[in-house]
PDB file of N, CA and C in Angstrom:
ATOM      1  N   MET A   1      -9.944  37.144  45.243  1.00  0.00           N
ATOM      2  CA  MET A   1     -10.641  38.419  44.424  1.00  0.00           C
ATOM      3  C   MET A   1     -10.526  39.370  44.446  1.00  0.00           C
ATOM      4  N   ASP A   2     -10.042  40.201  43.590  1.00  0.00           N
ATOM      5  CA  ASP A   2      -9.893  41.999  43.819  1.00  0.00           C
ATOM      6  C   ASP A   2     -11.231  42.847  43.669  1.00  0.00           C
ATOM      7  N   ALA A   3     -10.857  43.671  44.197  1.00  0.00           N
ATOM      8  CA  ALA A   3     -12.292  44.983  44.125  1.00  0.00           C
ATOM      9  C   ALA A   3     -13.046  44.946  43.071  1.00  0.00           C
ATOM     10  N   ALA A   4     -12.235  45.007  42.003  1.00  0.00           N
ATOM     11  CA  ALA A   4     -13.050  45.134  40.637  1.00  0.00           C
ATOM     12  C   ALA A   4     -13.667  43.786  39.864  1.00  0.00           C
ATOM     13  N   ALA A   5     -13.047  42.578  39.975  1.00  0.00           N
ATOM     14  CA  ALA A   5     -13.631  41.730  40.048  1.00  0.00           C
ATOM     15  C   ALA A   5     -14.753  41.234  40.740  1.00  0.00           C
ATOM     16  N   LEU A   6     -14.709  41.741  42.151  1.00  0.00           N
ATOM     17  CA  LEU A   6     -16.001  42.004  42.728  1.00  0.00           C
ATOM     18  C   LEU A   6     -17.146  42.438  42.496  1.00  0.00           C
ATOM     19  N   ALA A   7     -16.424  43.355  42.040  1.00  0.00           N
ATOM     20  CA  ALA A   7     -17.928  44.878  41.919  1.00  0.00           C
ATOM     21  C   ALA A   7     -18.204  44.333  40.403  1.00  0.00           C
ATOM     22  N   ASP A   8     -17.617  43.197  39.448  1.00  0.00           N
ATOM     23  CA  ASP A   8     -18.334  43.032  38.260  1.00  0.00           C
ATOM     24  C   ASP A   8     -19.281  41.848  38.699  1.00  0.00           C
ATOM     25  N   ARG A   9     -19.171  40.825  39.471  1.00  0.00           N
ATOM     26  CA  ARG A   9     -19.628  40.018  39.677  1.00  0.00           C
ATOM     27  C   ARG A   9     -20.633  40.752  40.606  1.00  0.00           C
ATOM     28  N   LEU A  10     -20.884  41.398  41.475  1.00  0.00           N
ATOM     29  CA  LEU A  10     -21.733  42.300  42.261  1.00  0.00           C
ATOM     30  C   LEU A  10     -22.845  42.429  41.203  1.00  0.00           C
ATOM     31  N   ALA A  11     -22.422  43.188  40.232  1.00  0.00           N
ATOM     32  CA  ALA A  11     -23.056  44.038  39.448  1.00  0.00           C
ATOM     33  C   ALA A  11     -23.859  43.034  38.244  1.00  0.00           C
ATOM     34  N   ARG A  12     -23.645  41.760  37.631  1.00  0.00           N
ATOM     35  CA  ARG A  12     -24.043  40.452  37.126  1.00  0.00           C
ATOM     36  C   ARG A  12     -25.248  39.890  37.736  1.00  0.00           C
ATOM     37  N   VAL A  13     -24.360  39.769  39.061  1.00  0.00           N
ATOM     38  CA  VAL A  13     -26.006  39.310  40.480  1.00  0.00           C
ATOM     39  C   VAL A  13     -27.151  40.414  40.342  1.00  0.00           C
ATOM     40  N   THR A  14     -26.798  41.333  40.610  1.00  0.00           N
ATOM     41  CA  THR A  14     -28.307  42.518  40.837  1.00  0.00           C
ATOM     42  C   THR A  14     -28.787  42.503  39.573  1.00  0.00           C
ATOM     43  N   GLU A  15     -27.950  42.643  38.482  1.00  0.00           N
ATOM     44  CA  GLU A  15     -28.760  42.169  37.473  1.00  0.00           C
ATOM     45  C   GLU A  15     -29.450  41.199  36.478  1.00  0.00           C
ATOM     46  N   GLN A  16     -29.213  40.661  37.637  1.00  0.00           N
ATOM     47  CA  GLN A  16     -30.230  38.841  37.117  1.00  0.00           C
ATOM     48  C   GLN A  16     -31.268  38.783  38.184  1.00  0.00           C
ATOM     49  N   LEU A  17     -30.939  39.378  39.303  1.00  0.00           N
ATOM     50  CA  LEU A  17     -31.955  39.629  40.198  1.00  0.00           C
ATOM     51  C   LEU A  17     -33.008  40.435  39.571  1.00  0.00           C
ATOM     52  N   ASP A  18     -32.761  41.879  39.038  1.00  0.00           N
ATOM     53  CA  ASP A  18     -33.720  42.759  38.197  1.00  0.00           C
ATOM     54  C   ASP A  18     -34.424  41.958  37.328  1.00  0.00           C
ATOM     55  N   VAL A  19     -33.940  41.268  36.554  1.00  0.00           N
ATOM     56  CA  VAL A  19     -34.541  40.323  35.366  1.00  0.00           C
ATOM     57  C   VAL A  19     -35.297  39.342  36.109  1.00  0.00           C
ATOM     58  N   LEU A  20     -35.384  38.347  37.505  1.00  0.00           N
ATOM     59  CA  LEU A  20     -35.986  37.773  37.878  1.00  0.00           C
ATOM     60  C   LEU A  20     -37.078  38.122  38.454  1.00  0.00           C
ATOM     61  N   ARG A  21     -36.767  39.371  38.668  1.00  0.00           N
ATOM     62  CA  ARG A  21     -37.733  40.237  39.575  1.00  0.00           C
ATOM     63  C   ARG A  21     -38.772  40.375  38.838  1.00  0.00           C
ATOM     64  N   ARG A  22     -38.497  41.230  37.691  1.00  0.00           N
ATOM     65  CA  ARG A  22     -40.063  41.488  36.424  1.00  0.00           C
ATOM     66  C   ARG A  22     -39.762  40.348  36.456  1.00  0.00           C
ATOM     67  N   ASP A  23     -39.531  39.493  35.624  1.00  0.00           N
ATOM     68  CA  ASP A  23     -40.515  37.876  35.608  1.00  0.00           C
ATOM     69  C   ASP A  23     -40.878  37.396  36.507  1.00  0.00           C
ATOM     70  N   HIS A  24     -40.806  37.405  38.191  1.00  0.00           N
ATOM     71  CA  HIS A  24     -41.855  37.418  39.213  1.00  0.00           C
ATOM     72  C   HIS A  24     -43.150  37.873  38.870  1.00  0.00           C
ATOM     73  N   ALA A  25     -42.489  39.061  38.801  1.00  0.00           N
ATOM     74  CA  ALA A  25     -44.237  40.429  38.809  1.00  0.00           C
ATOM     75  C   ALA A  25     -44.942  39.906  37.358  1.00  0.00           C
ATOM     76  N   ALA A  26     -44.509  39.390  36.010  1.00  0.00           N
ATOM     77  CA  ALA A  26     -45.177  39.203  35.434  1.00  0.00           C
ATOM     78  C   ALA A  26     -45.668  37.974  35.368  1.00  0.00           C
ATOM     79  N   ILE A  27     -45.557  36.862  36.317  1.00  0.00           N
ATOM     80  CA  ILE A  27     -45.997  35.984  36.507  1.00  0.00           C
ATOM     81  C   ILE A  27     -46.920  36.158  37.518  1.00  0.00           C
ATOM     82  N   ILE A  28     -46.825  36.901  38.536  1.00  0.00           N
ATOM     83  CA  ILE A  28     -47.990  36.948  39.128  1.00  0.00           C
ATOM     84  C   ILE A  28     -49.566  38.048  38.394  1.00  0.00           C
ATOM     85  N   ALA A  29     -48.669  38.769  37.699  1.00  0.00           N
ATOM     86  CA  ALA A  29     -49.756  39.484  36.815  1.00  0.00           C
ATOM     87  C   ALA A  29     -50.600  38.502  35.757  1.00  0.00           C
ATOM     88  N   ALA A  30     -49.859  37.265  35.527  1.00  0.00           N
ATOM     89  CA  ALA A  30     -50.582  36.559  34.094  1.00  0.00           C
ATOM     90  C   ALA A  30     -51.658  35.256  35.156  1.00  0.00           C
ATOM     91  N   SER A  31     -51.548  35.226  36.360  1.00  0.00           N
ATOM     92  CA  SER A  31     -52.176  34.384  37.165  1.00  0.00           C
ATOM     93  C   SER A  31     -53.466  35.402  37.760  1.00  0.00           C
ATOM     94  N   ALA A  32     -53.203  36.593  37.712  1.00  0.00           N
ATOM     95  CA  ALA A  32     -54.658  37.346  38.266  1.00  0.00           C
ATOM     96  C   ALA A  32     -55.078  38.161  37.413  1.00  0.00           C
ATOM     97  N   ALA A  33     -54.584  37.946  36.374  1.00  0.00           N
ATOM     98  CA  ALA A  33     -55.685  38.042  35.231  1.00  0.00           C
ATOM     99  C   ALA A  33     -56.215  36.441  34.125  1.00  0.00           C
ATOM    100  N   SER A  34     -55.791  35.577  34.810  1.00  0.00           N
ATOM    101  CA  SER A  34     -56.652  34.469  34.385  1.00  0.00           C
ATOM    102  C   SER A  34     -57.625  33.920  35.723  1.00  0.00           C
ATOM    103  N   ASN A  35     -58.533  32.830  34.802  1.00  0.00           N
ATOM    104  CA  ASN A  35     -59.376  32.588  35.484  1.00  0.00           C
ATOM    105  C   ASN A  35     -59.118  31.158  35.932  1.00  0.00           C
ATOM    106  N   ALA A  36     -58.242  30.453  35.145  1.00  0.00           N
ATOM    107  CA  ALA A  36     -57.756  29.182  34.519  1.00  0.00           C
ATOM    108  C   ALA A  36     -57.381  28.068  36.535  1.00  0.00           C
ATOM    109  N   ASP A  37     -57.719  27.422  35.908  1.00  0.00           N
ATOM    110  CA  ASP A  37     -57.854  26.092  37.484  1.00  0.00           C
ATOM    111  C   ASP A  37     -56.110  25.272  36.835  1.00  0.00           C
ATOM    112  N   ASP A  38     -55.148  26.448  37.181  1.00  0.00           N
ATOM    113  CA  ASP A  38     -54.101  26.020  37.037  1.00  0.00           C
ATOM    114  C   ASP A  38     -53.465  24.367  37.761  1.00  0.00           C
ATOM    115  N   GLU A  39     -54.379  25.071  39.028  1.00  0.00           N
ATOM    116  CA  GLU A  39     -53.514  23.656  40.047  1.00  0.00           C
ATOM    117  C   GLU A  39     -54.172  21.980  39.852  1.00  0.00           C
ATOM    118  N   HIS A  40     -55.010  21.718  38.918  1.00  0.00           N
ATOM    119  CA  HIS A  40     -55.363  20.532  38.480  1.00  0.00           C
ATOM    120  C   HIS A  40     -55.566  19.838  36.664  1.00  0.00           C
ATOM    121  N   ASP A  41     -54.651  21.091  36.246  1.00  0.00           N
ATOM    122  CA  ASP A  41     -54.064  21.104  34.873  1.00  0.00           C
ATOM    123  C   ASP A  41     -53.014  20.127  34.830  1.00  0.00           C
ATOM    124  N   PRO A  42     -53.647  19.138  34.318  1.00  0.00           N
ATOM    125  CA  PRO A  42     -52.477  17.703  34.016  1.00  0.00           C
ATOM    126  C   PRO A  42     -51.448  18.029  32.676  1.00  0.00           C
ATOM    127  N   GLU A  43     -51.594  19.092  32.357  1.00  0.00           N
ATOM    128  CA  GLU A  43     -50.876  19.355  31.067  1.00  0.00           C
ATOM    129  C   GLU A  43     -48.947  19.600  31.892  1.00  0.00           C
ATOM    130  N   GLY A  44     -48.723  20.022  32.559  1.00  0.00           N
ATOM    131  CA  GLY A  44     -47.846  20.462  33.105  1.00  0.00           C
ATOM    132  C   GLY A  44     -48.030  21.093  34.643  1.00  0.00           C
ATOM    133  N   ALA A  45     -46.495  22.098  34.350  1.00  0.00           N
ATOM    134  CA  ALA A  45     -46.092  22.792  35.922  1.00  0.00           C
ATOM    135  C   ALA A  45     -47.500  23.965  36.155  1.00  0.00           C
ATOM    136  N   THR A  46     -47.632  24.128  37.125  1.00  0.00           N
ATOM    137  CA  THR A  46     -48.559  24.994  37.685  1.00  0.00           C
ATOM    138  C   THR A  46     -48.071  26.389  37.500  1.00  0.00           C
ATOM    139  N   ILE A  47     -48.999  28.125  37.221  1.00  0.00           N
ATOM    140  CA  ILE A  47     -48.346  29.012  37.609  1.00  0.00           C
ATOM    141  C   ILE A  47     -47.681  29.114  39.227  1.00  0.00           C
ATOM    142  N   ALA A  48     -48.668  28.483  40.291  1.00  0.00           N
ATOM    143  CA  ALA A  48     -48.347  28.752  41.401  1.00  0.00           C
ATOM    144  C   ALA A  48     -46.897  28.181  41.619  1.00  0.00           C
ATOM    145  N   TRP A  49     -46.562  27.103  40.962  1.00  0.00           N
ATOM    146  CA  TRP A  49     -45.211  26.047  40.910  1.00  0.00           C
ATOM    147  C   TRP A  49     -44.300  27.004  39.978  1.00  0.00           C
ATOM    148  N   GLU A  50     -44.578  27.523  38.928  1.00  0.00           N
ATOM    149  CA  GLU A  50     -43.341  28.855  38.695  1.00  0.00           C
ATOM    150  C   GLU A  50     -43.146  29.696  39.159  1.00  0.00           C
ATOM    151  N   ARG A  51     -44.362  30.337  40.034  1.00  0.00           N
ATOM    152  CA  ARG A  51     -44.191  31.502  40.755  1.00  0.00           C
ATOM    153  C   ARG A  51     -43.081  31.229  41.822  1.00  0.00           C
ATOM    154  N   GLU A  52     -43.374  30.013  42.444  1.00  0.00           N
ATOM    155  CA  GLU A  52     -42.597  29.721  44.039  1.00  0.00           C
ATOM    156  C   GLU A  52     -40.951  29.081  43.804  1.00  0.00           C
ATOM    157  N   GLN A  53     -40.684  28.882  41.959  1.00  0.00           N
ATOM    158  CA  GLN A  53     -39.770  28.796  41.739  1.00  0.00           C
ATOM    159  C   GLN A  53     -38.777  30.036  41.408  1.00  0.00           C
ATOM    160  N   VAL A  54     -39.477  31.046  40.964  1.00  0.00           N
ATOM    161  CA  VAL A  54     -38.971  32.503  40.206  1.00  0.00           C
ATOM    162  C   VAL A  54     -38.340  32.775  41.318  1.00  0.00           C
ATOM    163  N   ALA A  55     -39.770  32.480  42.840  1.00  0.00           N
ATOM    164  CA  ALA A  55     -39.339  33.317  44.430  1.00  0.00           C
ATOM    165  C   ALA A  55     -38.083  32.954  44.510  1.00  0.00           C
ATOM    166  N   ALA A  56     -37.836  31.645  45.009  1.00  0.00           N
ATOM    167  CA  ALA A  56     -36.528  30.923  45.785  1.00  0.00           C
ATOM    168  C   ALA A  56     -35.538  31.218  45.066  1.00  0.00           C
ATOM    169  N   LEU A  57     -35.261  31.628  43.566  1.00  0.00           N
ATOM    170  CA  LEU A  57     -34.278  31.995  42.676  1.00  0.00           C
ATOM    171  C   LEU A  57     -34.003  33.727  43.165  1.00  0.00           C
ATOM    172  N   VAL A  58     -34.985  34.200  43.445  1.00  0.00           N
ATOM    173  CA  VAL A  58     -34.951  35.672  43.736  1.00  0.00           C
ATOM    174  C   VAL A  58     -34.176  35.495  45.185  1.00  0.00           C
ATOM    175  N   ALA A  59     -34.669  34.564  46.215  1.00  0.00           N
ATOM    176  CA  ALA A  59     -34.548  34.829  47.218  1.00  0.00           C
ATOM    177  C   ALA A  59     -32.929  34.130  47.373  1.00  0.00           C
ATOM    178  N   ARG A  60     -32.883  33.462  46.516  1.00  0.00           N
ATOM    179  CA  ARG A  60     -31.201  32.739  46.495  1.00  0.00           C
ATOM    180  C   ARG A  60     -30.201  34.411  45.624  1.00  0.00           C
ATOM    181  N   LEU A  61     -30.474  34.869  44.873  1.00  0.00           N
ATOM    182  CA  LEU A  61     -29.705  36.140  44.780  1.00  0.00           C
ATOM    183  C   LEU A  61     -29.465  36.948  45.463  1.00  0.00           C
ATOM    184  N   GLU A  62     -30.604  37.483  46.142  1.00  0.00           N
ATOM    185  CA  GLU A  62     -30.931  38.291  47.273  1.00  0.00           C
ATOM    186  C   GLU A  62     -29.275  37.911  48.486  1.00  0.00           C
ATOM    187  N   SER A  63     -29.827  37.010  48.360  1.00  0.00           N
ATOM    188  CA  SER A  63     -28.781  36.222  49.724  1.00  0.00           C
ATOM    189  C   SER A  63     -27.010  36.265  48.723  1.00  0.00           C
ATOM    190  N   GLU A  64     -27.205  36.092  47.936  1.00  0.00           N
ATOM    191  CA  GLU A  64     -25.560  36.497  47.354  1.00  0.00           C
ATOM    192  C   GLU A  64     -25.301  37.621  47.073  1.00  0.00           C
ATOM    193  N   ARG A  65     -26.054  38.169  46.692  1.00  0.00           N
ATOM    194  CA  ARG A  65     -25.924  39.715  46.361  1.00  0.00           C
ATOM    195  C   ARG A  65     -25.854  40.400  48.115  1.00  0.00           C
ATOM    196  N   ASP A  66     -26.002  40.010  48.720  1.00  0.00           N
ATOM    197  CA  ASP A  66     -25.440  40.274  50.248  1.00  0.00           C
ATOM    198  C   ASP A  66     -24.570  40.209  50.243  1.00  0.00           C
ATOM    199  N   GLU A  67     -23.962  39.053  50.401  1.00  0.00           N
ATOM    200  CA  GLU A  67     -23.060  38.230  51.126  1.00  0.00           C
ATOM    201  C   GLU A  67     -21.421  39.172  50.155  1.00  0.00           C
ATOM    202  N   LEU A  68     -22.050  39.377  48.847  1.00  0.00           N
ATOM    203  CA  LEU A  68     -21.148  40.145  47.728  1.00  0.00           C
ATOM    204  C   LEU A  68     -20.787  41.668  48.161  1.00  0.00           C
ATOM    205  N   THR A  69     -22.709  42.186  48.727  1.00  0.00           N
ATOM    206  CA  THR A  69     -21.482  43.547  49.490  1.00  0.00           C
ATOM    207  C   THR A  69     -21.002  43.485  50.327  1.00  0.00           C
ATOM    208  N   GLU A  70     -21.419  42.603  51.374  1.00  0.00           N
ATOM    209  CA  GLU A  70     -20.284  42.589  52.676  1.00  0.00           C
ATOM    210  C   GLU A  70     -19.174  42.471  52.517  1.00  0.00           C
ATOM    211  N   ALA A  71     -18.672  41.386  51.383  1.00  0.00           N
ATOM    212  CA  ALA A  71     -17.275  41.340  51.057  1.00  0.00           C
ATOM    213  C   ALA A  71     -16.902  42.427  50.560  1.00  0.00           C
ATOM    214  N   ALA A  72     -17.089  43.467  49.712  1.00  0.00           N
ATOM    215  CA  ALA A  72     -16.951  44.745  49.052  1.00  0.00           C
ATOM    216  C   ALA A  72     -16.758  45.326  50.567  1.00  0.00           C
ATOM    217  N   ALA A  73     -17.182  45.639  51.406  1.00  0.00           N
ATOM    218  CA  ALA A  73     -16.987  46.302  52.835  1.00  0.00           C
ATOM    219  C   ALA A  73     -15.976  45.777  53.355  1.00  0.00           C
ATOM    220  N   ARG A  74     -15.527  44.565  53.527  1.00  0.00           N
ATOM    221  CA  ARG A  74     -14.421  43.931  53.872  1.00  0.00           C
ATOM    222  C   ARG A  74     -13.220  44.339  53.298  1.00  0.00           C
ATOM    223  N   ILE A  75     -13.474  44.818  51.431  1.00  0.00           N
ATOM    224  CA  ILE A  75     -12.532  45.317  50.809  1.00  0.00           C
ATOM    225  C   ILE A  75     -11.595  46.131  51.338  1.00  0.00           C
ATOM    226  N   ALA A  76     -12.760  47.147  51.651  1.00  0.00           N
ATOM    227  CA  ALA A  76     -12.739  48.696  51.554  1.00  0.00           C
ATOM    228  C   ALA A  76     -12.096  48.631  53.393  1.00  0.00           C
ATOM    229  N   THR A  77     -12.210  47.902  53.388  1.00  0.00           N
ATOM    230  CA  THR A  77     -11.692  47.915  55.237  1.00  0.00           C
ATOM    231  C   THR A  77     -10.065  47.372  55.797  1.00  0.00           C
ATOM    232  N   GLY A  78      -9.664  46.799  54.226  1.00  0.00           N
ATOM    233  CA  GLY A  78      -8.689  45.165  54.481  1.00  0.00           C
ATOM    234  C   GLY A  78      -8.623  43.867  55.050  1.00  0.00           C
ATOM    235  N   ALA A  79      -9.934  43.838  55.513  1.00  0.00           N
ATOM    236  CA  ALA A  79     -10.371  42.504  56.217  1.00  0.00           C
ATOM    237  C   ALA A  79     -10.806  41.457  55.135  1.00  0.00           C
ATOM    238  N   TYR A  80     -10.674  42.280  53.951  1.00  0.00           N
ATOM    239  CA  TYR A  80     -11.269  40.580  53.088  1.00  0.00           C
ATOM    240  C   TYR A  80      -9.767  39.726  53.073  1.00  0.00           C
ATOM    241  N   GLY A  81     -10.190  38.644  53.162  1.00  0.00           N
ATOM    242  CA  GLY A  81      -9.598  37.654  52.507  1.00  0.00           C
ATOM    243  C   GLY A  81      -8.671  36.649  53.852  1.00  0.00           C
ATOM    244  N   THR A  82      -9.292  37.168  54.884  1.00  0.00           N
ATOM    245  CA  THR A  82      -8.586  37.143  56.379  1.00  0.00           C
ATOM    246  C   THR A  82     -10.126  36.286  57.101  1.00  0.00           C
ATOM    247  N   CYS A  83      -9.456  35.206  57.840  1.00  0.00           N
ATOM    248  CA  CYS A  83     -11.011  34.140  57.988  1.00  0.00           C
ATOM    249  C   CYS A  83     -10.868  34.503  59.669  1.00  0.00           C
ATOM    250  N   GLU A  84     -12.300  35.376  59.448  1.00  0.00           N
ATOM    251  CA  GLU A  84     -12.752  35.706  60.959  1.00  0.00           C
ATOM    252  C   GLU A  84     -13.007  35.257  62.282  1.00  0.00           C
ATOM    253  N   ARG A  85     -12.101  33.616  62.393  1.00  0.00           N
ATOM    254  CA  ARG A  85     -12.657  32.698  63.008  1.00  0.00           C
ATOM    255  C   ARG A  85     -11.255  33.053  63.677  1.00  0.00           C
ATOM    256  N   CYS A  86      -9.835  32.438  62.393  1.00  0.00           N
ATOM    257  CA  CYS A  86      -8.751  32.053  63.266  1.00  0.00           C
ATOM    258  C   CYS A  86      -7.684  33.198  63.038  1.00  0.00           C
ATOM    259  N   GLY A  87      -7.769  33.948  61.728  1.00  0.00           N
ATOM    260  CA  GLY A  87      -7.501  35.322  61.724  1.00  0.00           C
ATOM    261  C   GLY A  87      -5.992  35.008  60.698  1.00  0.00           C
ATOM    262  N   ARG A  88      -6.186  33.781  59.355  1.00  0.00           N
ATOM    263  CA  ARG A  88      -5.819  33.105  59.066  1.00  0.00           C
ATOM    264  C   ARG A  88      -5.561  33.663  57.668  1.00  0.00           C
ATOM    265  N   ALA A  89      -5.106  33.734  56.723  1.00  0.00           N
ATOM    266  CA  ALA A  89      -5.244  34.487  55.171  1.00  0.00           C
ATOM    267  C   ALA A  89      -6.387  33.014  54.863  1.00  0.00           C
ATOM    268  N   ILE A  90      -7.012  33.271  54.291  1.00  0.00           N
ATOM    269  CA  ILE A  90      -8.547  32.552  52.923  1.00  0.00           C
ATOM    270  C   ILE A  90      -7.441  32.391  51.531  1.00  0.00           C
ATOM    271  N   PRO A  91      -7.581  30.969  51.806  1.00  0.00           N
ATOM    272  CA  PRO A  91      -6.702  31.151  50.435  1.00  0.00           C
ATOM    273  C   PRO A  91      -7.321  31.378  48.906  1.00  0.00           C
ATOM    274  N   ARG A  92      -6.719  31.714  48.018  1.00  0.00           N
ATOM    275  CA  ARG A  92      -6.919  32.906  47.224  1.00  0.00           C
ATOM    276  C   ARG A  92      -8.074  31.736  46.336  1.00  0.00           C
ATOM    277  N   GLU A  93      -8.073  30.295  46.130  1.00  0.00           N
ATOM    278  CA  GLU A  93      -8.706  29.388  45.277  1.00  0.00           C
ATOM    279  C   GLU A  93      -9.802  28.999  45.920  1.00  0.00           C
ATOM    280  N   ARG A  94     -10.064  29.594  47.334  1.00  0.00           N
ATOM    281  CA  ARG A  94     -11.407  29.104  47.948  1.00  0.00           C
ATOM    282  C   ARG A  94     -12.156  30.373  47.575  1.00  0.00           C
ATOM    283  N   LEU A  95     -11.273  31.381  47.512  1.00  0.00           N
ATOM    284  CA  LEU A  95     -12.082  33.243  47.328  1.00  0.00           C
ATOM    285  C   LEU A  95     -12.258  32.910  45.980  1.00  0.00           C
ATOM    286  N   ALA A  96     -11.934  32.762  44.865  1.00  0.00           N
ATOM    287  CA  ALA A  96     -12.138  32.845  43.200  1.00  0.00           C
ATOM    288  C   ALA A  96     -13.440  31.965  43.266  1.00  0.00           C
ATOM    289  N   VAL A  97     -13.841  30.839  44.158  1.00  0.00           N
ATOM    290  CA  VAL A  97     -14.747  29.538  43.941  1.00  0.00           C
ATOM    291  C   VAL A  97     -16.002  30.432  45.062  1.00  0.00           C
ATOM    292  N   ARG A  98     -15.893  31.003  46.275  1.00  0.00           N
ATOM    293  CA  ARG A  98     -16.465  31.724  47.117  1.00  0.00           C
ATOM    294  C   ARG A  98     -16.066  32.766  47.556  1.00  0.00           C
ATOM    295  N   PRO A  99     -16.282  34.151  46.549  1.00  0.00           N
ATOM    296  CA  PRO A  99     -16.004  35.168  46.468  1.00  0.00           C
ATOM    297  C   PRO A  99     -16.387  36.163  48.080  1.00  0.00           C
ATOM    298  N   ALA A 100     -17.172  35.405  48.325  1.00  0.00           N
ATOM    299  CA  ALA A 100     -17.504  35.962  49.815  1.00  0.00           C
ATOM    300  C   ALA A 100     -17.116  35.338  51.771  1.00  0.00           C
ATOM    301  N   ALA A 101     -16.460  34.598  50.533  1.00  0.00           N
ATOM    302  CA  ALA A 101     -16.066  33.552  51.940  1.00  0.00           C
ATOM    303  C   ALA A 101     -15.460  34.719  53.352  1.00  0.00           C
ATOM    304  N   ARG A 102     -16.339  34.027  54.256  1.00  0.00           N
ATOM    305  CA  ARG A 102     -15.821  35.024  55.649  1.00  0.00           C
ATOM    306  C   ARG A 102     -14.700  34.397  56.433  1.00  0.00           C
ATOM    307  N   THR A 103     -14.822  32.971  56.364  1.00  0.00           N
ATOM    308  CA  THR A 103     -13.745  32.153  56.755  1.00  0.00           C
ATOM    309  C   THR A 103     -12.571  30.939  56.016  1.00  0.00           C
ATOM    310  N   CYS A 104     -11.489  30.048  56.252  1.00  0.00           N
ATOM    311  CA  CYS A 104     -11.053  29.611  55.845  1.00  0.00           C
ATOM    312  C   CYS A 104     -11.435  28.125  56.126  1.00  0.00           C
ATOM    313  N   VAL A 105     -11.211  27.340  55.149  1.00  0.00           N
ATOM    314  CA  VAL A 105     -11.753  26.044  54.937  1.00  0.00           C
ATOM    315  C   VAL A 105     -11.866  25.044  56.110  1.00  0.00           C
ATOM    316  N   ASP A 106     -10.408  25.292  56.891  1.00  0.00           N
ATOM    317  CA  ASP A 106     -10.864  24.712  58.457  1.00  0.00           C
ATOM    318  C   ASP A 106     -11.555  24.995  59.285  1.00  0.00           C
ATOM    319  N   CYS A 107     -11.971  26.602  59.064  1.00  0.00           N
ATOM    320  CA  CYS A 107     -13.084  27.179  60.033  1.00  0.00           C
ATOM    321  C   CYS A 107     -14.568  27.222  59.589  1.00  0.00           C
ATOM    322  N   GLY A 108     -15.031  26.586  58.393  1.00  0.00           N
ATOM    323  CA  GLY A 108     -15.967  26.989  57.455  1.00  0.00           C
ATOM    324  C   GLY A 108     -16.686  25.772  58.201  1.00  0.00           C
TER     325      GLY A 108
END
């Protein structure tokens, strides 16, 4: 993956993260404004469950954003695409699937 494609993917992840953070804040605000006992509501998912699901997605995207940021730094230093353990080139196919990969398949 080249620097432009990596920057594009990082921008998309950052945008998704912003949307999810707003959704999470809205769920928290909605639950704070309500005195409903959704923990015992037989009609479906609870607000707490939704809040935790969105929080988990936020955490996953934050991790992906951090990994992509580190990959961008490796591009800048010329280390991108080189396995951190054995020093061999990481195949393009692996980088296409996992652009933040730091190791080759054998070392991963």
